[in-house]
Amino acid sequence: MATVHKTLEVNIFGRSYRVACEDSEREALLQAVAFVDGKMNEVRKSGKVSGTERIAVMVALNVAHELLATKMGGGYDVGHLKRRIAAIESKVEAALASQEKLF
């Protein structure tokens, strides 16, 4: 079966963009949009960089630097943390489920 891609209109730094996105990825895309928009506004407010294109490049460089630092051991592995949290949640849910049987 073919995957159906829907488009979602998002707003970053005052400009609208249409992005292809599956329903299951919608929330993650919206979080990414909010993150990028916030970073671009931070750079603009600093007053050190002007022009939308220059601001976008600075944000891209900063995000790439953070990602590479994480991958090279200079940061934390978000995927690993998410898996650990999910495992802990499963254990807590199992423990609570067994407690509910007591009442």
PDB file of N, CA and C in Angstrom:
ATOM      1  N   MET A   1       0.845  -1.172   0.000  1.00  0.00           N
ATOM      2  CA  MET A   1       0.000   0.000   0.000  1.00  0.00           C
ATOM      3  C   MET A   1       0.891   1.236   0.000  1.00  0.00           C
ATOM      4  N   ALA A   2       0.569   2.215  -0.792  1.00  0.00           N
ATOM      5  CA  ALA A   2       1.347   3.446  -0.884  1.00  0.00           C
ATOM      6  C   ALA A   2       1.058   4.345   0.310  1.00  0.00           C
ATOM      7  N   THR A   3       2.085   5.053   0.747  1.00  0.00           N
ATOM      8  CA  THR A   3       1.926   5.994   1.847  1.00  0.00           C
ATOM      9  C   THR A   3       1.349   7.288   1.302  1.00  0.00           C
ATOM     10  N   VAL A   4       0.313   7.798   1.952  1.00  0.00           N
ATOM     11  CA  VAL A   4      -0.315   9.036   1.534  1.00  0.00           C
ATOM     12  C   VAL A   4       0.301  10.173   2.341  1.00  0.00           C
ATOM     13  N   HIS A   5       0.881  11.122   1.625  1.00  0.00           N
ATOM     14  CA  HIS A   5       1.462  12.279   2.286  1.00  0.00           C
ATOM     15  C   HIS A   5       0.490  13.446   2.186  1.00  0.00           C
ATOM     16  N   LYS A   6       0.175  14.016   3.307  1.00  0.00           N
ATOM     17  CA  LYS A   6      -0.659  15.204   3.337  1.00  0.00           C
ATOM     18  C   LYS A   6       0.273  16.396   3.454  1.00  0.00           C
ATOM     19  N   THR A   7      -0.225  17.555   3.119  1.00  0.00           N
ATOM     20  CA  THR A   7       0.583  18.744   3.307  1.00  0.00           C
ATOM     21  C   THR A   7       0.042  19.534   4.478  1.00  0.00           C
ATOM     22  N   LEU A   8       0.949  20.145   5.162  1.00  0.00           N
ATOM     23  CA  LEU A   8       0.608  20.947   6.328  1.00  0.00           C
ATOM     24  C   LEU A   8       1.206  22.326   6.118  1.00  0.00           C
ATOM     25  N   GLU A   9       0.420  23.353   6.338  1.00  0.00           N
ATOM     26  CA  GLU A   9       0.935  24.709   6.207  1.00  0.00           C
ATOM     27  C   GLU A   9       1.470  25.143   7.569  1.00  0.00           C
ATOM     28  N   VAL A  10       2.735  25.559   7.579  1.00  0.00           N
ATOM     29  CA  VAL A  10       3.375  25.999   8.815  1.00  0.00           C
ATOM     30  C   VAL A  10       3.895  27.413   8.628  1.00  0.00           C
ATOM     31  N   ASN A  11       4.152  28.082   9.740  1.00  0.00           N
ATOM     32  CA  ASN A  11       4.634  29.452   9.699  1.00  0.00           C
ATOM     33  C   ASN A  11       5.939  29.521  10.474  1.00  0.00           C
ATOM     34  N   ILE A  12       6.992  29.937   9.795  1.00  0.00           N
ATOM     35  CA  ILE A  12       8.297  30.102  10.429  1.00  0.00           C
ATOM     36  C   ILE A  12       8.787  31.505  10.131  1.00  0.00           C
ATOM     37  N   PHE A  13       9.050  32.242  11.184  1.00  0.00           N
ATOM     38  CA  PHE A  13       9.630  33.582  11.063  1.00  0.00           C
ATOM     39  C   PHE A  13       8.774  34.489  10.179  1.00  0.00           C
ATOM     40  N   GLY A  14       7.447  34.329  10.325  1.00  0.00           N
ATOM     41  CA  GLY A  14       6.514  35.183   9.601  1.00  0.00           C
ATOM     42  C   GLY A  14       6.225  34.772   8.172  1.00  0.00           C
ATOM     43  N   ARG A  15       6.769  33.647   7.734  1.00  0.00           N
ATOM     44  CA  ARG A  15       6.528  33.179   6.367  1.00  0.00           C
ATOM     45  C   ARG A  15       5.846  31.821   6.406  1.00  0.00           C
ATOM     46  N   SER A  16       4.924  31.602   5.460  1.00  0.00           N
ATOM     47  CA  SER A  16       4.198  30.337   5.390  1.00  0.00           C
ATOM     48  C   SER A  16       4.908  29.368   4.458  1.00  0.00           C
ATOM     49  N   TYR A  17       4.897  28.091   4.870  1.00  0.00           N
ATOM     50  CA  TYR A  17       5.493  27.025   4.076  1.00  0.00           C
ATOM     51  C   TYR A  17       4.527  25.841   4.087  1.00  0.00           C
ATOM     52  N   ARG A  18       4.441  25.151   2.962  1.00  0.00           N
ATOM     53  CA  ARG A  18       3.655  23.922   2.883  1.00  0.00           C
ATOM     54  C   ARG A  18       4.640  22.769   2.920  1.00  0.00           C
ATOM     55  N   VAL A  19       4.413  21.848   3.849  1.00  0.00           N
ATOM     56  CA  VAL A  19       5.338  20.743   4.068  1.00  0.00           C
ATOM     57  C   VAL A  19       4.569  19.428   3.980  1.00  0.00           C
ATOM     58  N   ALA A  20       5.138  18.452   3.236  1.00  0.00           N
ATOM     59  CA  ALA A  20       4.541  17.123   3.176  1.00  0.00           C
ATOM     60  C   ALA A  20       4.780  16.435   4.513  1.00  0.00           C
ATOM     61  N   CYS A  21       3.736  15.808   5.038  1.00  0.00           N
ATOM     62  CA  CYS A  21       3.846  15.224   6.372  1.00  0.00           C
ATOM     63  C   CYS A  21       2.790  14.146   6.556  1.00  0.00           C
ATOM     64  N   GLU A  22       3.221  12.999   7.075  1.00  0.00           N
ATOM     65  CA  GLU A  22       2.271  11.951   7.420  1.00  0.00           C
ATOM     66  C   GLU A  22       1.588  12.326   8.734  1.00  0.00           C
ATOM     67  N   ASP A  23       0.382  11.838   8.936  1.00  0.00           N
ATOM     68  CA  ASP A  23      -0.360  12.140  10.166  1.00  0.00           C
ATOM     69  C   ASP A  23       0.441  11.756  11.408  1.00  0.00           C
ATOM     70  N   SER A  24       1.141  10.637  11.335  1.00  0.00           N
ATOM     71  CA  SER A  24       1.891  10.155  12.494  1.00  0.00           C
ATOM     72  C   SER A  24       3.085  11.044  12.836  1.00  0.00           C
ATOM     73  N   GLU A  25       3.503  11.893  11.898  1.00  0.00           N
ATOM     74  CA  GLU A  25       4.656  12.769  12.130  1.00  0.00           C
ATOM     75  C   GLU A  25       4.259  14.221  12.365  1.00  0.00           C
ATOM     76  N   ARG A  26       2.960  14.480  12.366  1.00  0.00           N
ATOM     77  CA  ARG A  26       2.462  15.860  12.468  1.00  0.00           C
ATOM     78  C   ARG A  26       2.950  16.564  13.735  1.00  0.00           C
ATOM     79  N   GLU A  27       2.808  15.926  14.874  1.00  0.00           N
ATOM     80  CA  GLU A  27       3.190  16.555  16.137  1.00  0.00           C
ATOM     81  C   GLU A  27       4.688  16.852  16.174  1.00  0.00           C
ATOM     82  N   ALA A  28       5.496  15.917  15.696  1.00  0.00           N
ATOM     83  CA  ALA A  28       6.947  16.130  15.681  1.00  0.00           C
ATOM     84  C   ALA A  28       7.310  17.286  14.752  1.00  0.00           C
ATOM     85  N   LEU A  29       6.620  17.379  13.616  1.00  0.00           N
ATOM     86  CA  LEU A  29       6.877  18.485  12.696  1.00  0.00           C
ATOM     87  C   LEU A  29       6.521  19.815  13.345  1.00  0.00           C
ATOM     88  N   LEU A  30       5.374  19.869  14.010  1.00  0.00           N
ATOM     89  CA  LEU A  30       4.959  21.112  14.660  1.00  0.00           C
ATOM     90  C   LEU A  30       5.940  21.515  15.766  1.00  0.00           C
ATOM     91  N   GLN A  31       6.488  20.551  16.471  1.00  0.00           N
ATOM     92  CA  GLN A  31       7.498  20.845  17.486  1.00  0.00           C
ATOM     93  C   GLN A  31       8.769  21.383  16.831  1.00  0.00           C
ATOM     94  N   ALA A  32       9.157  20.796  15.701  1.00  0.00           N
ATOM     95  CA  ALA A  32      10.335  21.269  14.983  1.00  0.00           C
ATOM     96  C   ALA A  32      10.121  22.693  14.473  1.00  0.00           C
ATOM     97  N   VAL A  33       8.936  22.968  13.963  1.00  0.00           N
ATOM     98  CA  VAL A  33       8.610  24.314  13.475  1.00  0.00           C
ATOM     99  C   VAL A  33       8.714  25.323  14.617  1.00  0.00           C
ATOM    100  N   ALA A  34       8.145  24.992  15.763  1.00  0.00           N
ATOM    101  CA  ALA A  34       8.195  25.896  16.919  1.00  0.00           C
ATOM    102  C   ALA A  34       9.636  26.117  17.370  1.00  0.00           C
ATOM    103  N   PHE A  35      10.440  25.068  17.351  1.00  0.00           N
ATOM    104  CA  PHE A  35      11.839  25.164  17.753  1.00  0.00           C
ATOM    105  C   PHE A  35      12.613  26.093  16.815  1.00  0.00           C
ATOM    106  N   VAL A  36      12.483  25.852  15.500  1.00  0.00           N
ATOM    107  CA  VAL A  36      13.204  26.669  14.518  1.00  0.00           C
ATOM    108  C   VAL A  36      12.736  28.122  14.574  1.00  0.00           C
ATOM    109  N   ASP A  37      11.434  28.329  14.656  1.00  0.00           N
ATOM    110  CA  ASP A  37      10.900  29.686  14.735  1.00  0.00           C
ATOM    111  C   ASP A  37      11.437  30.403  15.973  1.00  0.00           C
ATOM    112  N   GLY A  38      11.455  29.702  17.100  1.00  0.00           N
ATOM    113  CA  GLY A  38      11.979  30.304  18.326  1.00  0.00           C
ATOM    114  C   GLY A  38      13.452  30.652  18.217  1.00  0.00           C
ATOM    115  N   LYS A  39      14.242  29.750  17.646  1.00  0.00           N
ATOM    116  CA  LYS A  39      15.677  30.003  17.480  1.00  0.00           C
ATOM    117  C   LYS A  39      15.919  31.187  16.551  1.00  0.00           C
ATOM    118  N   MET A  40      15.133  31.275  15.476  1.00  0.00           N
ATOM    119  CA  MET A  40      15.299  32.393  14.555  1.00  0.00           C
ATOM    120  C   MET A  40      14.951  33.712  15.226  1.00  0.00           C
ATOM    121  N   ASN A  41      13.917  33.707  16.045  1.00  0.00           N
ATOM    122  CA  ASN A  41      13.565  34.930  16.772  1.00  0.00           C
ATOM    123  C   ASN A  41      14.626  35.303  17.803  1.00  0.00           C
ATOM    124  N   GLU A  42      15.243  34.311  18.439  1.00  0.00           N
ATOM    125  CA  GLU A  42      16.337  34.578  19.384  1.00  0.00           C
ATOM    126  C   GLU A  42      17.508  35.254  18.680  1.00  0.00           C
ATOM    127  N   VAL A  43      17.867  34.740  17.509  1.00  0.00           N
ATOM    128  CA  VAL A  43      18.986  35.316  16.757  1.00  0.00           C
ATOM    129  C   VAL A  43      18.651  36.743  16.334  1.00  0.00           C
ATOM    130  N   ARG A  44      17.426  36.957  15.868  1.00  0.00           N
ATOM    131  CA  ARG A  44      17.022  38.313  15.453  1.00  0.00           C
ATOM    132  C   ARG A  44      17.081  39.279  16.629  1.00  0.00           C
ATOM    133  N   LYS A  45      16.590  38.840  17.798  1.00  0.00           N
ATOM    134  CA  LYS A  45      16.568  39.711  18.977  1.00  0.00           C
ATOM    135  C   LYS A  45      17.966  40.043  19.481  1.00  0.00           C
ATOM    136  N   SER A  46      18.939  39.169  19.195  1.00  0.00           N
ATOM    137  CA  SER A  46      20.305  39.438  19.637  1.00  0.00           C
ATOM    138  C   SER A  46      20.864  40.658  18.916  1.00  0.00           C
ATOM    139  N   GLY A  47      20.329  40.951  17.718  1.00  0.00           N
ATOM    140  CA  GLY A  47      20.746  42.126  16.975  1.00  0.00           C
ATOM    141  C   GLY A  47      22.077  41.985  16.256  1.00  0.00           C
ATOM    142  N   LYS A  48      22.717  40.843  16.366  1.00  0.00           N
ATOM    143  CA  LYS A  48      24.035  40.660  15.758  1.00  0.00           C
ATOM    144  C   LYS A  48      23.949  40.233  14.295  1.00  0.00           C
ATOM    145  N   VAL A  49      22.796  39.675  13.895  1.00  0.00           N
ATOM    146  CA  VAL A  49      22.627  39.184  12.534  1.00  0.00           C
ATOM    147  C   VAL A  49      21.331  39.767  11.993  1.00  0.00           C
ATOM    148  N   SER A  50      21.376  40.236  10.733  1.00  0.00           N
ATOM    149  CA  SER A  50      20.156  40.756  10.126  1.00  0.00           C
ATOM    150  C   SER A  50      19.906  40.046   8.803  1.00  0.00           C
ATOM    151  N   GLY A  51      18.696  40.064   8.384  1.00  0.00           N
ATOM    152  CA  GLY A  51      18.311  39.410   7.139  1.00  0.00           C
ATOM    153  C   GLY A  51      17.861  37.984   7.403  1.00  0.00           C
ATOM    154  N   THR A  52      16.718  37.638   6.859  1.00  0.00           N
ATOM    155  CA  THR A  52      16.122  36.328   7.099  1.00  0.00           C
ATOM    156  C   THR A  52      17.044  35.192   6.688  1.00  0.00           C
ATOM    157  N   GLU A  53      17.669  35.318   5.525  1.00  0.00           N
ATOM    158  CA  GLU A  53      18.542  34.242   5.049  1.00  0.00           C
ATOM    159  C   GLU A  53      19.738  34.044   5.980  1.00  0.00           C
ATOM    160  N   ARG A  54      20.353  35.126   6.415  1.00  0.00           N
ATOM    161  CA  ARG A  54      21.509  35.020   7.323  1.00  0.00           C
ATOM    162  C   ARG A  54      21.093  34.428   8.672  1.00  0.00           C
ATOM    163  N   ILE A  55      19.934  34.833   9.155  1.00  0.00           N
ATOM    164  CA  ILE A  55      19.428  34.300  10.421  1.00  0.00           C
ATOM    165  C   ILE A  55      19.182  32.796  10.281  1.00  0.00           C
ATOM    166  N   ALA A  56      18.571  32.381   9.164  1.00  0.00           N
ATOM    167  CA  ALA A  56      18.295  30.959   8.939  1.00  0.00           C
ATOM    168  C   ALA A  56      19.596  30.158   8.889  1.00  0.00           C
ATOM    169  N   VAL A  57      20.616  30.693   8.238  1.00  0.00           N
ATOM    170  CA  VAL A  57      21.898  29.994   8.160  1.00  0.00           C
ATOM    171  C   VAL A  57      22.536  29.892   9.536  1.00  0.00           C
ATOM    172  N   MET A  58      22.484  30.942  10.328  1.00  0.00           N
ATOM    173  CA  MET A  58      23.055  30.899  11.679  1.00  0.00           C
ATOM    174  C   MET A  58      22.342  29.861  12.543  1.00  0.00           C
ATOM    175  N   VAL A  59      21.025  29.807  12.452  1.00  0.00           N
ATOM    176  CA  VAL A  59      20.260  28.824  13.214  1.00  0.00           C
ATOM    177  C   VAL A  59      20.620  27.419  12.750  1.00  0.00           C
ATOM    178  N   ALA A  60      20.708  27.220  11.433  1.00  0.00           N
ATOM    179  CA  ALA A  60      21.068  25.897  10.904  1.00  0.00           C
ATOM    180  C   ALA A  60      22.443  25.476  11.406  1.00  0.00           C
ATOM    181  N   LEU A  61      23.404  26.397  11.398  1.00  0.00           N
ATOM    182  CA  LEU A  61      24.745  26.077  11.887  1.00  0.00           C
ATOM    183  C   LEU A  61      24.735  25.740  13.379  1.00  0.00           C
ATOM    184  N   ASN A  62      23.986  26.493  14.163  1.00  0.00           N
ATOM    185  CA  ASN A  62      23.914  26.229  15.603  1.00  0.00           C
ATOM    186  C   ASN A  62      23.272  24.877  15.892  1.00  0.00           C
ATOM    187  N   VAL A  63      22.196  24.560  15.195  1.00  0.00           N
ATOM    188  CA  VAL A  63      21.510  23.282  15.401  1.00  0.00           C
ATOM    189  C   VAL A  63      22.404  22.130  14.952  1.00  0.00           C
ATOM    190  N   ALA A  64      23.072  22.292  13.809  1.00  0.00           N
ATOM    191  CA  ALA A  64      23.990  21.253  13.325  1.00  0.00           C
ATOM    192  C   ALA A  64      25.130  21.035  14.311  1.00  0.00           C
ATOM    193  N   HIS A  65      25.647  22.108  14.869  1.00  0.00           N
ATOM    194  CA  HIS A  65      26.727  22.000  15.854  1.00  0.00           C
ATOM    195  C   HIS A  65      26.258  21.231  17.084  1.00  0.00           C
ATOM    196  N   GLU A  66      25.078  21.544  17.587  1.00  0.00           N
ATOM    197  CA  GLU A  66      24.532  20.838  18.748  1.00  0.00           C
ATOM    198  C   GLU A  66      24.325  19.357  18.441  1.00  0.00           C
ATOM    199  N   LEU A  67      23.812  19.050  17.258  1.00  0.00           N
ATOM    200  CA  LEU A  67      23.583  17.662  16.862  1.00  0.00           C
ATOM    201  C   LEU A  67      24.898  16.901  16.775  1.00  0.00           C
ATOM    202  N   LEU A  68      25.883  17.489  16.125  1.00  0.00           N
ATOM    203  CA  LEU A  68      27.171  16.815  15.979  1.00  0.00           C
ATOM    204  C   LEU A  68      27.866  16.643  17.328  1.00  0.00           C
ATOM    205  N   ALA A  69      27.736  17.620  18.211  1.00  0.00           N
ATOM    206  CA  ALA A  69      28.331  17.494  19.541  1.00  0.00           C
ATOM    207  C   ALA A  69      27.692  16.342  20.304  1.00  0.00           C
ATOM    208  N   THR A  70      26.386  16.169  20.139  1.00  0.00           N
ATOM    209  CA  THR A  70      25.679  15.070  20.796  1.00  0.00           C
ATOM    210  C   THR A  70      26.126  13.737  20.225  1.00  0.00           C
ATOM    211  N   LYS A  71      26.242  13.653  18.911  1.00  0.00           N
ATOM    212  CA  LYS A  71      26.646  12.403  18.270  1.00  0.00           C
ATOM    213  C   LYS A  71      28.084  12.030  18.616  1.00  0.00           C
ATOM    214  N   MET A  72      28.924  13.010  18.863  1.00  0.00           N
ATOM    215  CA  MET A  72      30.331  12.740  19.123  1.00  0.00           C
ATOM    216  C   MET A  72      30.618  12.554  20.605  1.00  0.00           C
ATOM    217  N   GLY A  73      29.580  12.459  21.415  1.00  0.00           N
ATOM    218  CA  GLY A  73      29.766  12.201  22.831  1.00  0.00           C
ATOM    219  C   GLY A  73      29.862  13.457  23.685  1.00  0.00           C
ATOM    220  N   GLY A  74      29.774  14.606  23.058  1.00  0.00           N
ATOM    221  CA  GLY A  74      29.853  15.846  23.814  1.00  0.00           C
ATOM    222  C   GLY A  74      28.542  16.212  24.472  1.00  0.00           C
ATOM    223  N   GLY A  75      27.506  15.456  24.186  1.00  0.00           N
ATOM    224  CA  GLY A  75      26.186  15.728  24.744  1.00  0.00           C
ATOM    225  C   GLY A  75      25.549  14.434  25.171  1.00  0.00           C
ATOM    226  N   TYR A  76      24.257  14.401  25.142  1.00  0.00           N
ATOM    227  CA  TYR A  76      23.546  13.196  25.551  1.00  0.00           C
ATOM    228  C   TYR A  76      22.797  12.620  24.361  1.00  0.00           C
ATOM    229  N   ASP A  77      22.544  11.333  24.423  1.00  0.00           N
ATOM    230  CA  ASP A  77      21.863  10.613  23.354  1.00  0.00           C
ATOM    231  C   ASP A  77      20.362  10.638  23.641  1.00  0.00           C
ATOM    232  N   VAL A  78      19.638  11.489  22.952  1.00  0.00           N
ATOM    233  CA  VAL A  78      18.210  11.667  23.190  1.00  0.00           C
ATOM    234  C   VAL A  78      17.450  10.366  22.927  1.00  0.00           C
ATOM    235  N   GLY A  79      17.812   9.654  21.865  1.00  0.00           N
ATOM    236  CA  GLY A  79      17.136   8.397  21.555  1.00  0.00           C
ATOM    237  C   GLY A  79      17.269   7.393  22.682  1.00  0.00           C
ATOM    238  N   HIS A  80      18.464   7.297  23.227  1.00  0.00           N
ATOM    239  CA  HIS A  80      18.698   6.385  24.346  1.00  0.00           C
ATOM    240  C   HIS A  80      17.854   6.798  25.555  1.00  0.00           C
ATOM    241  N   LEU A  81      17.799   8.097  25.837  1.00  0.00           N
ATOM    242  CA  LEU A  81      17.004   8.576  26.968  1.00  0.00           C
ATOM    243  C   LEU A  81      15.521   8.287  26.770  1.00  0.00           C
ATOM    244  N   LYS A  82      15.024   8.454  25.551  1.00  0.00           N
ATOM    245  CA  LYS A  82      13.612   8.176  25.274  1.00  0.00           C
ATOM    246  C   LYS A  82      13.307   6.692  25.474  1.00  0.00           C
ATOM    247  N   ARG A  83      14.220   5.815  25.030  1.00  0.00           N
ATOM    248  CA  ARG A  83      14.014   4.378  25.222  1.00  0.00           C
ATOM    249  C   ARG A  83      14.019   4.019  26.698  1.00  0.00           C
ATOM    250  N   ARG A  84      14.915   4.629  27.464  1.00  0.00           N
ATOM    251  CA  ARG A  84      14.976   4.360  28.910  1.00  0.00           C
ATOM    252  C   ARG A  84      13.700   4.837  29.600  1.00  0.00           C
ATOM    253  N   ILE A  85      13.226   6.004  29.243  1.00  0.00           N
ATOM    254  CA  ILE A  85      11.993   6.541  29.832  1.00  0.00           C
ATOM    255  C   ILE A  85      10.818   5.635  29.505  1.00  0.00           C
ATOM    256  N   ALA A  86      10.745   5.159  28.261  1.00  0.00           N
ATOM    257  CA  ALA A  86       9.657   4.251  27.868  1.00  0.00           C
ATOM    258  C   ALA A  86       9.713   2.956  28.663  1.00  0.00           C
ATOM    259  N   ALA A  87      10.915   2.436  28.895  1.00  0.00           N
ATOM    260  CA  ALA A  87      11.060   1.204  29.677  1.00  0.00           C
ATOM    261  C   ALA A  87      10.616   1.424  31.117  1.00  0.00           C
ATOM    262  N   ILE A  88      10.987   2.557  31.681  1.00  0.00           N
ATOM    263  CA  ILE A  88      10.587   2.874  33.057  1.00  0.00           C
ATOM    264  C   ILE A  88       9.074   3.041  33.144  1.00  0.00           C
ATOM    265  N   GLU A  89       8.479   3.722  32.155  1.00  0.00           N
ATOM    266  CA  GLU A  89       7.029   3.899  32.136  1.00  0.00           C
ATOM    267  C   GLU A  89       6.318   2.548  32.088  1.00  0.00           C
ATOM    268  N   SER A  90       6.833   1.635  31.290  1.00  0.00           N
ATOM    269  CA  SER A  90       6.229   0.302  31.199  1.00  0.00           C
ATOM    270  C   SER A  90       6.268  -0.408  32.543  1.00  0.00           C
ATOM    271  N   LYS A  91       7.392  -0.315  33.237  1.00  0.00           N
ATOM    272  CA  LYS A  91       7.520  -0.955  34.546  1.00  0.00           C
ATOM    273  C   LYS A  91       6.564  -0.327  35.560  1.00  0.00           C
ATOM    274  N   VAL A  92       6.440   0.983  35.530  1.00  0.00           N
ATOM    275  CA  VAL A  92       5.538   1.666  36.461  1.00  0.00           C
ATOM    276  C   VAL A  92       4.094   1.267  36.165  1.00  0.00           C
ATOM    277  N   GLU A  93       3.715   1.242  34.881  1.00  0.00           N
ATOM    278  CA  GLU A  93       2.356   0.856  34.513  1.00  0.00           C
ATOM    279  C   GLU A  93       2.051  -0.580  34.934  1.00  0.00           C
ATOM    280  N   ALA A  94       3.017  -1.473  34.760  1.00  0.00           N
ATOM    281  CA  ALA A  94       2.824  -2.867  35.164  1.00  0.00           C
ATOM    282  C   ALA A  94       2.660  -2.962  36.676  1.00  0.00           C
ATOM    283  N   ALA A  95       3.455  -2.208  37.409  1.00  0.00           N
ATOM    284  CA  ALA A  95       3.362  -2.228  38.866  1.00  0.00           C
ATOM    285  C   ALA A  95       2.019  -1.673  39.324  1.00  0.00           C
ATOM    286  N   LEU A  96       1.567  -0.601  38.718  1.00  0.00           N
ATOM    287  CA  LEU A  96       0.280  -0.013  39.081  1.00  0.00           C
ATOM    288  C   LEU A  96      -0.875  -0.951  38.719  1.00  0.00           C
ATOM    289  N   ALA A  97      -0.771  -1.615  37.580  1.00  0.00           N
ATOM    290  CA  ALA A  97      -1.827  -2.552  37.168  1.00  0.00           C
ATOM    291  C   ALA A  97      -1.962  -3.682  38.171  1.00  0.00           C
ATOM    292  N   SER A  98      -0.843  -4.179  38.671  1.00  0.00           N
ATOM    293  CA  SER A  98      -0.922  -5.272  39.650  1.00  0.00           C
ATOM    294  C   SER A  98      -1.475  -4.762  40.983  1.00  0.00           C
ATOM    295  N   GLN A  99      -1.249  -3.519  41.320  1.00  0.00           N
ATOM    296  CA  GLN A  99      -1.779  -2.932  42.550  1.00  0.00           C
ATOM    297  C   GLN A  99      -3.289  -2.736  42.460  1.00  0.00           C
ATOM    298  N   GLU A 100      -3.802  -2.403  41.270  1.00  0.00           N
ATOM    299  CA  GLU A 100      -5.233  -2.195  41.092  1.00  0.00           C
ATOM    300  C   GLU A 100      -6.021  -3.476  41.360  1.00  0.00           C
ATOM    301  N   LYS A 101      -5.403  -4.613  41.119  1.00  0.00           N
ATOM    302  CA  LYS A 101      -6.056  -5.891  41.363  1.00  0.00           C
ATOM    303  C   LYS A 101      -6.278  -6.135  42.846  1.00  0.00           C
ATOM    304  N   LEU A 102      -5.501  -5.473  43.693  1.00  0.00           N
ATOM    305  CA  LEU A 102      -5.619  -5.660  45.140  1.00  0.00           C
ATOM    306  C   LEU A 102      -6.860  -4.953  45.692  1.00  0.00           C
ATOM    307  N   PHE A 103      -7.367  -3.972  44.985  1.00  0.00           N
ATOM    308  CA  PHE A 103      -8.500  -3.216  45.498  1.00  0.00           C
ATOM    309  C   PHE A 103      -9.723  -3.594  44.775  1.00  0.00           C
TER     310      PHE A 103
END
